[in-house]
Amino acid sequence: MSPLLLAAIICVVSALLAAVFFVVAPPAPRVPLERRLRPGAEHVALVTRATDRTVAAIDVAFRGGRALFSDAELELAGIRMETSAFLLLTFAGSVVTALLGVVLGLPLGAVGSIVLAVLFAALGPVVAKVVLRVRTGLRRARFADQLDDTLQLIAGNLRAGYGLVQAIDSLARDAEPPTSEEFARVVNETRIGRDLGDALSGTAERMHSDDFMWASQAIAVNRETGGNLAEVLQHVAGTIRERNQIRRQVKALSAEGRLSAIILIALPIVVFFGVMFIQPAYLATFFQSPIGIAALILAVILMIVGSVWMTLTIRVKF
């Protein structure tokens, strides 16, 4: 029997024994954790305790000052997390990316490793801000797309005999997010004494929706003068539906320009990291002289300016 065949048989037998031992064989009886604790005691893992203490320390450090992220930003982005916990997550991401920069910069020398570590560490807060902005924009866009159906549902509830607050409460329970979340906030604010018109106007400002601002103003005028609110909301919903149709058409016509901007922004970054992996010695010269480091800093600044410029150019206001 050849040694190779013998090694293969040993591996197969070992795998079968492992399967029998870990899968087929019954586990050893263990006493549940609840029975090993005294009555009323709650088990908290060491990692959880350390995380809670770190979050509390961050809360104390930023209390009364301006933090990198605010509760309003997280709420608008739909992130159900405390600001201190999000800061801790961002810091952990910065540490990981800094270590990645050190590893990638090893072929470039000590200076290259330090520069890449600093740049990659700065990516943590920047990426977190970008994620918040993107999630907020997507959430506001979904709210705008749902707005015509939202007003239709309110008008239908009013025709069915509901009051205005009851119609909004029904919408907060039955609609899809983010409409349900925003209208649930409106209902909660009215329950603690805020005027309904002010709550609706606050939602329009928070979601940056001129269309919903018109609807909230129509509701406020109707509450003062009276009339058929369901019919008014029906007409407003029709107008908003036509505006959304034009907005989607404009977005489709400007898709080519937005895609070109994304490619032009991403191309230098992809080429830089591609050259770093393929031929790191070619880029090592930039990190070994003050002129090369200054050239890299200037390139980053020009990239930022060009990216902002192209973003403003392709943004179509409607």
C-alpha atoms as a PDB file:
ATOM      1  CA  MET A   1       0.000   0.000   0.000  1.00  0.00           C
ATOM      2  CA  SER A   2       1.378   3.349  -1.005  1.00  0.00           C
ATOM      3  CA  PRO A   3       1.962   6.043   1.674  1.00  0.00           C
ATOM      4  CA  LEU A   4      -0.392   8.445  -0.119  1.00  0.00           C
ATOM      5  CA  LEU A   5      -3.275   5.941  -0.035  1.00  0.00           C
ATOM      6  CA  LEU A   6      -2.548   5.158   3.629  1.00  0.00           C
ATOM      7  CA  ALA A   7      -2.644   8.876   4.514  1.00  0.00           C
ATOM      8  CA  ALA A   8      -5.971   9.258   2.668  1.00  0.00           C
ATOM      9  CA  ILE A   9      -7.482   6.304   4.575  1.00  0.00           C
ATOM     10  CA  ILE A  10      -6.286   7.781   7.890  1.00  0.00           C
ATOM     11  CA  CYS A  11      -7.861  11.149   7.039  1.00  0.00           C
ATOM     12  CA  VAL A  12     -11.190   9.528   6.104  1.00  0.00           C
ATOM     13  CA  VAL A  13     -11.264   7.431   9.276  1.00  0.00           C
ATOM     14  CA  SER A  14     -10.369  10.465  11.392  1.00  0.00           C
ATOM     15  CA  ALA A  15     -13.174  12.453   9.770  1.00  0.00           C
ATOM     16  CA  LEU A  16     -15.681   9.674  10.473  1.00  0.00           C
ATOM     17  CA  LEU A  17     -14.543   9.430  14.094  1.00  0.00           C
ATOM     18  CA  ALA A  18     -14.820  13.199  14.485  1.00  0.00           C
ATOM     19  CA  ALA A  19     -18.333  13.143  13.013  1.00  0.00           C
ATOM     20  CA  VAL A  20     -19.375  10.382  15.397  1.00  0.00           C
ATOM     21  CA  PHE A  21     -17.823  12.119  18.400  1.00  0.00           C
ATOM     22  CA  PHE A  22     -19.077  15.661  17.758  1.00  0.00           C
ATOM     23  CA  VAL A  23     -22.400  14.966  16.021  1.00  0.00           C
ATOM     24  CA  VAL A  24     -23.741  11.532  16.818  1.00  0.00           C
ATOM     25  CA  ALA A  25     -22.443  11.172  20.356  1.00  0.00           C
ATOM     26  CA  PRO A  26     -24.763  12.842  22.917  1.00  0.00           C
ATOM     27  CA  PRO A  27     -23.298  15.864  24.709  1.00  0.00           C
ATOM     28  CA  ALA A  28     -22.396  15.656  28.345  1.00  0.00           C
ATOM     29  CA  PRO A  29     -25.198  16.795  30.676  1.00  0.00           C
ATOM     30  CA  ARG A  30     -24.761  20.371  31.820  1.00  0.00           C
ATOM     31  CA  VAL A  31     -26.568  22.356  34.478  1.00  0.00           C
ATOM     32  CA  PRO A  32     -28.319  25.395  32.896  1.00  0.00           C
ATOM     33  CA  LEU A  33     -26.872  28.784  33.721  1.00  0.00           C
ATOM     34  CA  GLU A  34     -30.159  29.946  35.270  1.00  0.00           C
ATOM     35  CA  ARG A  35     -29.953  27.218  37.905  1.00  0.00           C
ATOM     36  CA  ARG A  36     -26.384  28.110  38.812  1.00  0.00           C
ATOM     37  CA  LEU A  37     -27.283  31.711  39.616  1.00  0.00           C
ATOM     38  CA  ARG A  38     -28.961  32.905  42.768  1.00  0.00           C
ATOM     39  CA  PRO A  39     -32.605  33.982  42.465  1.00  0.00           C
ATOM     40  CA  GLY A  40     -32.938  37.424  40.928  1.00  0.00           C
ATOM     41  CA  ALA A  41     -29.351  37.523  39.695  1.00  0.00           C
ATOM     42  CA  GLU A  42     -28.607  38.193  36.037  1.00  0.00           C
ATOM     43  CA  HIS A  43     -25.518  36.952  34.256  1.00  0.00           C
ATOM     44  CA  VAL A  44     -23.610  39.656  32.372  1.00  0.00           C
ATOM     45  CA  ALA A  45     -20.623  38.648  30.267  1.00  0.00           C
ATOM     46  CA  LEU A  46     -17.250  40.312  30.770  1.00  0.00           C
ATOM     47  CA  VAL A  47     -17.284  41.762  27.245  1.00  0.00           C
ATOM     48  CA  THR A  48     -20.746  43.237  27.853  1.00  0.00           C
ATOM     49  CA  ARG A  49     -19.634  44.854  31.118  1.00  0.00           C
ATOM     50  CA  ALA A  50     -16.551  46.333  29.454  1.00  0.00           C
ATOM     51  CA  THR A  51     -18.640  47.659  26.569  1.00  0.00           C
ATOM     52  CA  ASP A  52     -21.208  49.223  28.911  1.00  0.00           C
ATOM     53  CA  ARG A  53     -18.477  50.941  30.924  1.00  0.00           C
ATOM     54  CA  THR A  54     -16.846  52.264  27.757  1.00  0.00           C
ATOM     55  CA  VAL A  55     -20.173  53.593  26.465  1.00  0.00           C
ATOM     56  CA  ALA A  56     -20.852  55.266  29.821  1.00  0.00           C
ATOM     57  CA  ALA A  57     -17.390  56.875  29.779  1.00  0.00           C
ATOM     58  CA  ILE A  58     -18.053  58.223  26.265  1.00  0.00           C
ATOM     59  CA  ASP A  59     -21.388  59.648  27.435  1.00  0.00           C
ATOM     60  CA  VAL A  60     -19.673  61.446  30.303  1.00  0.00           C
ATOM     61  CA  ALA A  61     -16.887  62.749  28.045  1.00  0.00           C
ATOM     62  CA  PHE A  62     -19.258  64.260  25.470  1.00  0.00           C
ATOM     63  CA  ARG A  63     -21.917  65.448  27.899  1.00  0.00           C
ATOM     64  CA  GLY A  64     -22.505  69.152  27.443  1.00  0.00           C
ATOM     65  CA  GLY A  65     -20.253  69.297  24.369  1.00  0.00           C
ATOM     66  CA  ARG A  66     -20.576  68.603  20.672  1.00  0.00           C
ATOM     67  CA  ALA A  67     -20.076  65.015  19.668  1.00  0.00           C
ATOM     68  CA  LEU A  68     -19.063  63.771  16.252  1.00  0.00           C
ATOM     69  CA  PHE A  69     -22.565  62.317  15.753  1.00  0.00           C
ATOM     70  CA  SER A  70     -25.866  63.495  17.203  1.00  0.00           C
ATOM     71  CA  ASP A  71     -28.992  61.620  18.217  1.00  0.00           C
ATOM     72  CA  ALA A  72     -30.952  63.434  15.490  1.00  0.00           C
ATOM     73  CA  GLU A  73     -28.557  62.193  12.784  1.00  0.00           C
ATOM     74  CA  LEU A  74     -28.882  58.595  13.925  1.00  0.00           C
ATOM     75  CA  GLU A  75     -32.654  58.906  14.128  1.00  0.00           C
ATOM     76  CA  LEU A  76     -32.916  60.373  10.632  1.00  0.00           C
ATOM     77  CA  ALA A  77     -30.734  57.564   9.307  1.00  0.00           C
ATOM     78  CA  GLY A  78     -32.977  54.976  10.941  1.00  0.00           C
ATOM     79  CA  ILE A  79     -30.203  53.633  13.203  1.00  0.00           C
ATOM     80  CA  ARG A  80     -31.581  52.519  16.567  1.00  0.00           C
ATOM     81  CA  MET A  81     -28.391  52.920  18.543  1.00  0.00           C
ATOM     82  CA  GLU A  82     -27.104  55.236  21.223  1.00  0.00           C
ATOM     83  CA  THR A  83     -24.700  57.937  20.066  1.00  0.00           C
ATOM     84  CA  SER A  84     -21.965  56.705  22.398  1.00  0.00           C
ATOM     85  CA  ALA A  85     -22.348  53.134  21.105  1.00  0.00           C
ATOM     86  CA  PHE A  86     -22.116  54.370  17.522  1.00  0.00           C
ATOM     87  CA  LEU A  87     -18.989  56.366  18.420  1.00  0.00           C
ATOM     88  CA  LEU A  88     -17.456  53.246  19.954  1.00  0.00           C
ATOM     89  CA  LEU A  89     -18.279  51.260  16.815  1.00  0.00           C
ATOM     90  CA  THR A  90     -16.708  53.977  14.652  1.00  0.00           C
ATOM     91  CA  PHE A  91     -13.566  53.996  16.808  1.00  0.00           C
ATOM     92  CA  ALA A  92     -13.276  50.213  16.523  1.00  0.00           C
ATOM     93  CA  GLY A  93     -13.602  50.484  12.744  1.00  0.00           C
ATOM     94  CA  SER A  94     -10.886  53.156  12.684  1.00  0.00           C
ATOM     95  CA  VAL A  95      -8.533  50.901  14.656  1.00  0.00           C
ATOM     96  CA  VAL A  96      -9.146  47.996  12.271  1.00  0.00           C
ATOM     97  CA  THR A  97      -8.613  50.137   9.175  1.00  0.00           C
ATOM     98  CA  ALA A  98      -5.459  51.648  10.708  1.00  0.00           C
ATOM     99  CA  LEU A  99      -4.018  48.150  11.194  1.00  0.00           C
ATOM    100  CA  LEU A 100      -4.966  47.361   7.604  1.00  0.00           C
ATOM    101  CA  GLY A 101      -3.101  50.496   6.500  1.00  0.00           C
ATOM    102  CA  VAL A 102      -0.018  49.394   8.408  1.00  0.00           C
ATOM    103  CA  VAL A 103      -0.084  45.988   6.711  1.00  0.00           C
ATOM    104  CA  LEU A 104      -0.595  47.487   3.248  1.00  0.00           C
ATOM    105  CA  GLY A 105       2.153  50.040   3.839  1.00  0.00           C
ATOM    106  CA  LEU A 106       4.854  47.544   4.795  1.00  0.00           C
ATOM    107  CA  PRO A 107       6.237  47.364   1.216  1.00  0.00           C
ATOM    108  CA  LEU A 108       6.431  51.174   1.201  1.00  0.00           C
ATOM    109  CA  GLY A 109       8.636  51.462   4.271  1.00  0.00           C
ATOM    110  CA  ALA A 110       8.071  52.838   7.758  1.00  0.00           C
ATOM    111  CA  VAL A 111       6.928  56.267   6.573  1.00  0.00           C
ATOM    112  CA  GLY A 112       4.501  54.710   4.124  1.00  0.00           C
ATOM    113  CA  SER A 113       3.027  52.499   6.850  1.00  0.00           C
ATOM    114  CA  ILE A 114       2.520  55.478   9.172  1.00  0.00           C
ATOM    115  CA  VAL A 115       0.953  57.623   6.453  1.00  0.00           C
ATOM    116  CA  LEU A 116      -1.407  54.852   5.335  1.00  0.00           C
ATOM    117  CA  ALA A 117      -2.302  54.039   8.959  1.00  0.00           C
ATOM    118  CA  VAL A 118      -3.274  57.675   9.598  1.00  0.00           C
ATOM    119  CA  LEU A 119      -5.226  57.906   6.340  1.00  0.00           C
ATOM    120  CA  PHE A 120      -7.035  54.634   6.934  1.00  0.00           C
ATOM    121  CA  ALA A 121      -7.813  55.600  10.542  1.00  0.00           C
ATOM    122  CA  ALA A 122      -9.357  58.853   9.306  1.00  0.00           C
ATOM    123  CA  LEU A 123     -11.559  56.806   7.002  1.00  0.00           C
ATOM    124  CA  GLY A 124     -13.549  55.521  10.008  1.00  0.00           C
ATOM    125  CA  PRO A 125     -15.380  58.770  10.889  1.00  0.00           C
ATOM    126  CA  VAL A 126     -15.585  59.778   7.226  1.00  0.00           C
ATOM    127  CA  VAL A 127     -17.203  56.488   6.212  1.00  0.00           C
ATOM    128  CA  ALA A 128     -19.550  56.686   9.205  1.00  0.00           C
ATOM    129  CA  LYS A 129     -20.652  60.188   8.166  1.00  0.00           C
ATOM    130  CA  VAL A 130     -21.129  59.059   4.574  1.00  0.00           C
ATOM    131  CA  VAL A 131     -23.187  56.063   5.713  1.00  0.00           C
ATOM    132  CA  LEU A 132     -25.407  58.333   7.819  1.00  0.00           C
ATOM    133  CA  ARG A 133     -25.882  60.757   4.928  1.00  0.00           C
ATOM    134  CA  VAL A 134     -26.665  57.968   2.456  1.00  0.00           C
ATOM    135  CA  ARG A 135     -29.118  56.243   4.796  1.00  0.00           C
ATOM    136  CA  THR A 136     -30.795  59.571   5.573  1.00  0.00           C
ATOM    137  CA  GLY A 137     -31.109  60.391   1.870  1.00  0.00           C
ATOM    138  CA  LEU A 138     -32.564  56.963   1.090  1.00  0.00           C
ATOM    139  CA  ARG A 139     -34.996  57.252   3.981  1.00  0.00           C
ATOM    140  CA  ARG A 140     -36.171  60.683   2.846  1.00  0.00           C
ATOM    141  CA  ALA A 141     -36.511  59.430  -0.727  1.00  0.00           C
ATOM    142  CA  ARG A 142     -38.682  56.514   0.421  1.00  0.00           C
ATOM    143  CA  PHE A 143     -40.828  58.916   2.438  1.00  0.00           C
ATOM    144  CA  ALA A 144     -41.299  61.105  -0.647  1.00  0.00           C
ATOM    145  CA  ASP A 145     -42.194  58.094  -2.810  1.00  0.00           C
ATOM    146  CA  GLN A 146     -44.774  56.932  -0.264  1.00  0.00           C
ATOM    147  CA  LEU A 147     -46.290  60.372   0.245  1.00  0.00           C
ATOM    148  CA  ASP A 148     -49.018  60.229  -2.400  1.00  0.00           C
ATOM    149  CA  ASP A 149     -50.229  56.846  -1.111  1.00  0.00           C
ATOM    150  CA  THR A 150     -49.999  58.223   2.430  1.00  0.00           C
ATOM    151  CA  LEU A 151     -52.331  61.114   1.691  1.00  0.00           C
ATOM    152  CA  GLN A 152     -54.679  58.758  -0.164  1.00  0.00           C
ATOM    153  CA  LEU A 153     -54.888  56.543   2.926  1.00  0.00           C
ATOM    154  CA  ILE A 154     -55.539  59.520   5.204  1.00  0.00           C
ATOM    155  CA  ALA A 155     -58.296  60.725   2.877  1.00  0.00           C
ATOM    156  CA  GLY A 156     -59.824  57.225   2.811  1.00  0.00           C
ATOM    157  CA  ASN A 157     -59.760  56.994   6.617  1.00  0.00           C
ATOM    158  CA  LEU A 158     -61.432  60.392   6.882  1.00  0.00           C
ATOM    159  CA  ARG A 159     -64.176  59.277   4.477  1.00  0.00           C
ATOM    160  CA  ALA A 160     -64.636  56.139   6.590  1.00  0.00           C
ATOM    161  CA  GLY A 161     -65.479  58.296   9.598  1.00  0.00           C
ATOM    162  CA  TYR A 162     -62.165  58.533  11.411  1.00  0.00           C
ATOM    163  CA  GLY A 163     -60.988  61.746  12.989  1.00  0.00           C
ATOM    164  CA  LEU A 164     -57.747  63.271  11.746  1.00  0.00           C
ATOM    165  CA  VAL A 165     -55.658  62.048  14.680  1.00  0.00           C
ATOM    166  CA  GLN A 166     -57.257  58.603  14.455  1.00  0.00           C
ATOM    167  CA  ALA A 167     -56.508  58.476  10.709  1.00  0.00           C
ATOM    168  CA  ILE A 168     -52.853  59.357  11.340  1.00  0.00           C
ATOM    169  CA  ASP A 169     -52.670  56.777  14.151  1.00  0.00           C
ATOM    170  CA  SER A 170     -54.078  54.111  11.823  1.00  0.00           C
ATOM    171  CA  LEU A 171     -51.508  55.075   9.205  1.00  0.00           C
ATOM    172  CA  ALA A 172     -48.701  54.849  11.782  1.00  0.00           C
ATOM    173  CA  ARG A 173     -49.733  51.258  12.527  1.00  0.00           C
ATOM    174  CA  ASP A 174     -50.427  50.034   8.996  1.00  0.00           C
ATOM    175  CA  ALA A 175     -48.051  51.947   6.685  1.00  0.00           C
ATOM    176  CA  GLU A 176     -44.523  50.930   5.737  1.00  0.00           C
ATOM    177  CA  PRO A 177     -41.378  52.571   7.146  1.00  0.00           C
ATOM    178  CA  PRO A 178     -40.297  55.334   7.201  1.00  0.00           C
ATOM    179  CA  THR A 179     -43.867  56.732   6.910  1.00  0.00           C
ATOM    180  CA  SER A 180     -45.086  54.624   9.836  1.00  0.00           C
ATOM    181  CA  GLU A 181     -42.164  55.741  12.014  1.00  0.00           C
ATOM    182  CA  GLU A 182     -42.620  59.440  11.257  1.00  0.00           C
ATOM    183  CA  PHE A 183     -46.379  59.387  11.809  1.00  0.00           C
ATOM    184  CA  ALA A 184     -45.947  57.389  15.008  1.00  0.00           C
ATOM    185  CA  ARG A 185     -43.735  60.226  16.193  1.00  0.00           C
ATOM    186  CA  VAL A 186     -46.447  62.734  15.228  1.00  0.00           C
ATOM    187  CA  VAL A 187     -49.029  60.777  17.243  1.00  0.00           C
ATOM    188  CA  ASN A 188     -46.726  60.570  20.278  1.00  0.00           C
ATOM    189  CA  GLU A 189     -46.009  64.303  20.124  1.00  0.00           C
ATOM    190  CA  THR A 190     -49.722  65.156  20.003  1.00  0.00           C
ATOM    191  CA  ARG A 191     -50.343  62.885  22.994  1.00  0.00           C
ATOM    192  CA  ILE A 192     -47.897  64.861  25.131  1.00  0.00           C
ATOM    193  CA  GLY A 193     -49.518  68.176  24.198  1.00  0.00           C
ATOM    194  CA  ARG A 194     -47.912  69.428  20.987  1.00  0.00           C
ATOM    195  CA  ASP A 195     -50.169  70.953  18.371  1.00  0.00           C
ATOM    196  CA  LEU A 196     -50.907  68.621  15.441  1.00  0.00           C
ATOM    197  CA  GLY A 197     -50.048  71.268  12.838  1.00  0.00           C
ATOM    198  CA  ASP A 198     -46.674  71.937  14.476  1.00  0.00           C
ATOM    199  CA  ALA A 199     -45.937  68.204  14.652  1.00  0.00           C
ATOM    200  CA  LEU A 200     -46.746  67.742  10.953  1.00  0.00           C
ATOM    201  CA  SER A 201     -44.647  70.785  10.003  1.00  0.00           C
ATOM    202  CA  GLY A 202     -41.755  69.415  12.071  1.00  0.00           C
ATOM    203  CA  THR A 203     -41.975  66.133  10.186  1.00  0.00           C
ATOM    204  CA  ALA A 204     -41.887  67.994   6.863  1.00  0.00           C
ATOM    205  CA  GLU A 205     -38.794  69.944   7.932  1.00  0.00           C
ATOM    206  CA  ARG A 206     -37.077  66.832   9.274  1.00  0.00           C
ATOM    207  CA  MET A 207     -37.715  64.903   6.050  1.00  0.00           C
ATOM    208  CA  HIS A 208     -36.919  67.928   3.809  1.00  0.00           C
ATOM    209  CA  SER A 209     -40.225  67.403   1.992  1.00  0.00           C
ATOM    210  CA  ASP A 210     -41.800  70.473   0.402  1.00  0.00           C
ATOM    211  CA  ASP A 211     -44.706  68.310  -0.742  1.00  0.00           C
ATOM    212  CA  PHE A 212     -45.561  67.242   2.779  1.00  0.00           C
ATOM    213  CA  MET A 213     -45.162  70.824   3.949  1.00  0.00           C
ATOM    214  CA  TRP A 214     -47.950  71.760   1.529  1.00  0.00           C
ATOM    215  CA  ALA A 215     -50.086  68.942   2.908  1.00  0.00           C
ATOM    216  CA  SER A 216     -49.461  70.028   6.509  1.00  0.00           C
ATOM    217  CA  GLN A 217     -50.344  73.632   5.622  1.00  0.00           C
ATOM    218  CA  ALA A 218     -53.547  72.434   3.916  1.00  0.00           C
ATOM    219  CA  ILE A 219     -54.444  70.470   7.068  1.00  0.00           C
ATOM    220  CA  ALA A 220     -53.720  73.513   9.277  1.00  0.00           C
ATOM    221  CA  VAL A 221     -55.882  75.814   7.099  1.00  0.00           C
ATOM    222  CA  ASN A 222     -58.691  73.252   7.022  1.00  0.00           C
ATOM    223  CA  ARG A 223     -58.648  72.944  10.802  1.00  0.00           C
ATOM    224  CA  GLU A 224     -59.145  76.710  11.099  1.00  0.00           C
ATOM    225  CA  THR A 225     -61.682  77.262   8.303  1.00  0.00           C
ATOM    226  CA  GLY A 226     -63.412  73.881   8.033  1.00  0.00           C
ATOM    227  CA  GLY A 227     -64.406  72.044   4.883  1.00  0.00           C
ATOM    228  CA  ASN A 228     -63.963  68.650   3.280  1.00  0.00           C
ATOM    229  CA  LEU A 229     -60.413  67.703   4.272  1.00  0.00           C
ATOM    230  CA  ALA A 230     -60.594  64.337   2.482  1.00  0.00           C
ATOM    231  CA  GLU A 231     -61.226  66.041  -0.847  1.00  0.00           C
ATOM    232  CA  VAL A 232     -58.428  68.554  -0.231  1.00  0.00           C
ATOM    233  CA  LEU A 233     -55.958  65.757   0.542  1.00  0.00           C
ATOM    234  CA  GLN A 234     -57.154  63.905  -2.549  1.00  0.00           C
ATOM    235  CA  HIS A 235     -56.244  66.875  -4.768  1.00  0.00           C
ATOM    236  CA  VAL A 236     -52.896  67.355  -2.979  1.00  0.00           C
ATOM    237  CA  ALA A 237     -52.102  63.657  -3.443  1.00  0.00           C
ATOM    238  CA  GLY A 238     -52.811  63.934  -7.185  1.00  0.00           C
ATOM    239  CA  THR A 239     -50.470  66.927  -7.489  1.00  0.00           C
ATOM    240  CA  ILE A 240     -47.730  65.139  -5.545  1.00  0.00           C
ATOM    241  CA  ARG A 241     -48.131  62.050  -7.720  1.00  0.00           C
ATOM    242  CA  GLU A 242     -47.553  64.118 -10.851  1.00  0.00           C
ATOM    243  CA  ARG A 243     -44.511  65.797  -9.280  1.00  0.00           C
ATOM    244  CA  ASN A 244     -43.074  62.404  -8.312  1.00  0.00           C
ATOM    245  CA  GLN A 245     -43.526  61.219 -11.895  1.00  0.00           C
ATOM    246  CA  ILE A 246     -41.571  64.207 -13.200  1.00  0.00           C
ATOM    247  CA  ARG A 247     -38.930  63.703 -10.493  1.00  0.00           C
ATOM    248  CA  ARG A 248     -38.414  60.080 -11.521  1.00  0.00           C
ATOM    249  CA  GLN A 249     -38.128  61.141 -15.154  1.00  0.00           C
ATOM    250  CA  VAL A 250     -35.476  63.729 -14.285  1.00  0.00           C
ATOM    251  CA  LYS A 251     -33.603  61.114 -12.241  1.00  0.00           C
ATOM    252  CA  ALA A 252     -33.626  58.712 -15.188  1.00  0.00           C
ATOM    253  CA  LEU A 253     -32.361  61.382 -17.595  1.00  0.00           C
ATOM    254  CA  SER A 254     -29.509  62.345 -15.253  1.00  0.00           C
ATOM    255  CA  ALA A 255     -28.447  58.740 -14.534  1.00  0.00           C
ATOM    256  CA  GLU A 256     -25.674  58.826 -17.170  1.00  0.00           C
ATOM    257  CA  GLY A 257     -24.054  61.897 -15.628  1.00  0.00           C
ATOM    258  CA  ARG A 258     -24.214  60.424 -12.129  1.00  0.00           C
ATOM    259  CA  LEU A 259     -22.652  57.159 -13.290  1.00  0.00           C
ATOM    260  CA  SER A 260     -19.866  59.070 -15.082  1.00  0.00           C
ATOM    261  CA  ALA A 261     -19.137  61.030 -11.917  1.00  0.00           C
ATOM    262  CA  ILE A 262     -18.936  57.828  -9.850  1.00  0.00           C
ATOM    263  CA  ILE A 263     -16.504  56.263 -12.338  1.00  0.00           C
ATOM    264  CA  LEU A 264     -14.305  59.373 -12.501  1.00  0.00           C
ATOM    265  CA  ILE A 265     -14.140  59.600  -8.716  1.00  0.00           C
ATOM    266  CA  ALA A 266     -13.437  55.896  -8.173  1.00  0.00           C
ATOM    267  CA  LEU A 267     -10.936  55.450 -11.016  1.00  0.00           C
ATOM    268  CA  PRO A 268      -7.887  57.206  -9.407  1.00  0.00           C
ATOM    269  CA  ILE A 269      -8.503  55.419  -6.094  1.00  0.00           C
ATOM    270  CA  VAL A 270      -8.738  51.998  -7.749  1.00  0.00           C
ATOM    271  CA  VAL A 271      -5.618  52.669  -9.841  1.00  0.00           C
ATOM    272  CA  PHE A 272      -3.666  53.778  -6.743  1.00  0.00           C
ATOM    273  CA  PHE A 273      -4.433  50.628  -4.758  1.00  0.00           C
ATOM    274  CA  GLY A 274      -3.992  48.444  -7.827  1.00  0.00           C
ATOM    275  CA  VAL A 275      -0.482  49.781  -8.386  1.00  0.00           C
ATOM    276  CA  MET A 276       0.208  49.398  -4.659  1.00  0.00           C
ATOM    277  CA  PHE A 277      -0.553  45.676  -4.841  1.00  0.00           C
ATOM    278  CA  ILE A 278       1.053  45.011  -8.233  1.00  0.00           C
ATOM    279  CA  GLN A 279       4.186  47.188  -8.006  1.00  0.00           C
ATOM    280  CA  PRO A 280       4.610  48.688  -4.495  1.00  0.00           C
ATOM    281  CA  ALA A 281       8.151  49.858  -5.248  1.00  0.00           C
ATOM    282  CA  TYR A 282       6.738  52.255  -7.843  1.00  0.00           C
ATOM    283  CA  LEU A 283       4.801  54.151  -5.152  1.00  0.00           C
ATOM    284  CA  ALA A 284       7.474  53.851  -2.462  1.00  0.00           C
ATOM    285  CA  THR A 285       9.253  56.886  -3.948  1.00  0.00           C
ATOM    286  CA  PHE A 286       6.346  59.123  -2.961  1.00  0.00           C
ATOM    287  CA  PHE A 287       6.682  58.144   0.706  1.00  0.00           C
ATOM    288  CA  GLN A 288      10.473  58.505   0.891  1.00  0.00           C
ATOM    289  CA  SER A 289      10.797  62.213   0.154  1.00  0.00           C
ATOM    290  CA  PRO A 290       9.026  65.375   1.371  1.00  0.00           C
ATOM    291  CA  ILE A 291       8.180  66.342  -2.206  1.00  0.00           C
ATOM    292  CA  GLY A 292       6.450  62.993  -2.786  1.00  0.00           C
ATOM    293  CA  ILE A 293       4.431  63.286   0.445  1.00  0.00           C
ATOM    294  CA  ALA A 294       3.428  66.847  -0.506  1.00  0.00           C
ATOM    295  CA  ALA A 295       2.374  65.596  -3.949  1.00  0.00           C
ATOM    296  CA  LEU A 296       0.185  62.910  -2.359  1.00  0.00           C
ATOM    297  CA  ILE A 297      -1.423  65.445  -0.012  1.00  0.00           C
ATOM    298  CA  LEU A 298      -2.087  67.783  -2.936  1.00  0.00           C
ATOM    299  CA  ALA A 299      -3.582  64.890  -4.917  1.00  0.00           C
ATOM    300  CA  VAL A 300      -5.939  64.046  -2.057  1.00  0.00           C
ATOM    301  CA  ILE A 301      -7.036  67.695  -1.766  1.00  0.00           C
ATOM    302  CA  LEU A 302      -7.646  67.944  -5.510  1.00  0.00           C
ATOM    303  CA  MET A 303      -9.604  64.668  -5.404  1.00  0.00           C
ATOM    304  CA  ILE A 304     -11.846  66.035  -2.657  1.00  0.00           C
ATOM    305  CA  VAL A 305     -12.397  69.331  -4.510  1.00  0.00           C
ATOM    306  CA  GLY A 306     -13.112  67.537  -7.786  1.00  0.00           C
ATOM    307  CA  SER A 307     -15.501  65.095  -6.125  1.00  0.00           C
ATOM    308  CA  VAL A 308     -17.476  67.895  -4.485  1.00  0.00           C
ATOM    309  CA  TRP A 309     -17.507  69.834  -7.753  1.00  0.00           C
ATOM    310  CA  MET A 310     -18.832  66.897  -9.776  1.00  0.00           C
ATOM    311  CA  THR A 311     -21.385  66.070  -7.078  1.00  0.00           C
ATOM    312  CA  LEU A 312     -22.763  69.604  -7.207  1.00  0.00           C
ATOM    313  CA  THR A 313     -22.719  69.546 -11.011  1.00  0.00           C
ATOM    314  CA  ILE A 314     -24.809  66.383 -11.404  1.00  0.00           C
ATOM    315  CA  ARG A 315     -27.277  67.288  -8.636  1.00  0.00           C
ATOM    316  CA  VAL A 316     -30.534  68.324 -10.301  1.00  0.00           C
ATOM    317  CA  LYS A 317     -32.772  70.457  -8.123  1.00  0.00           C
ATOM    318  CA  PHE A 318     -36.476  70.049  -8.667  1.00  0.00           C
END
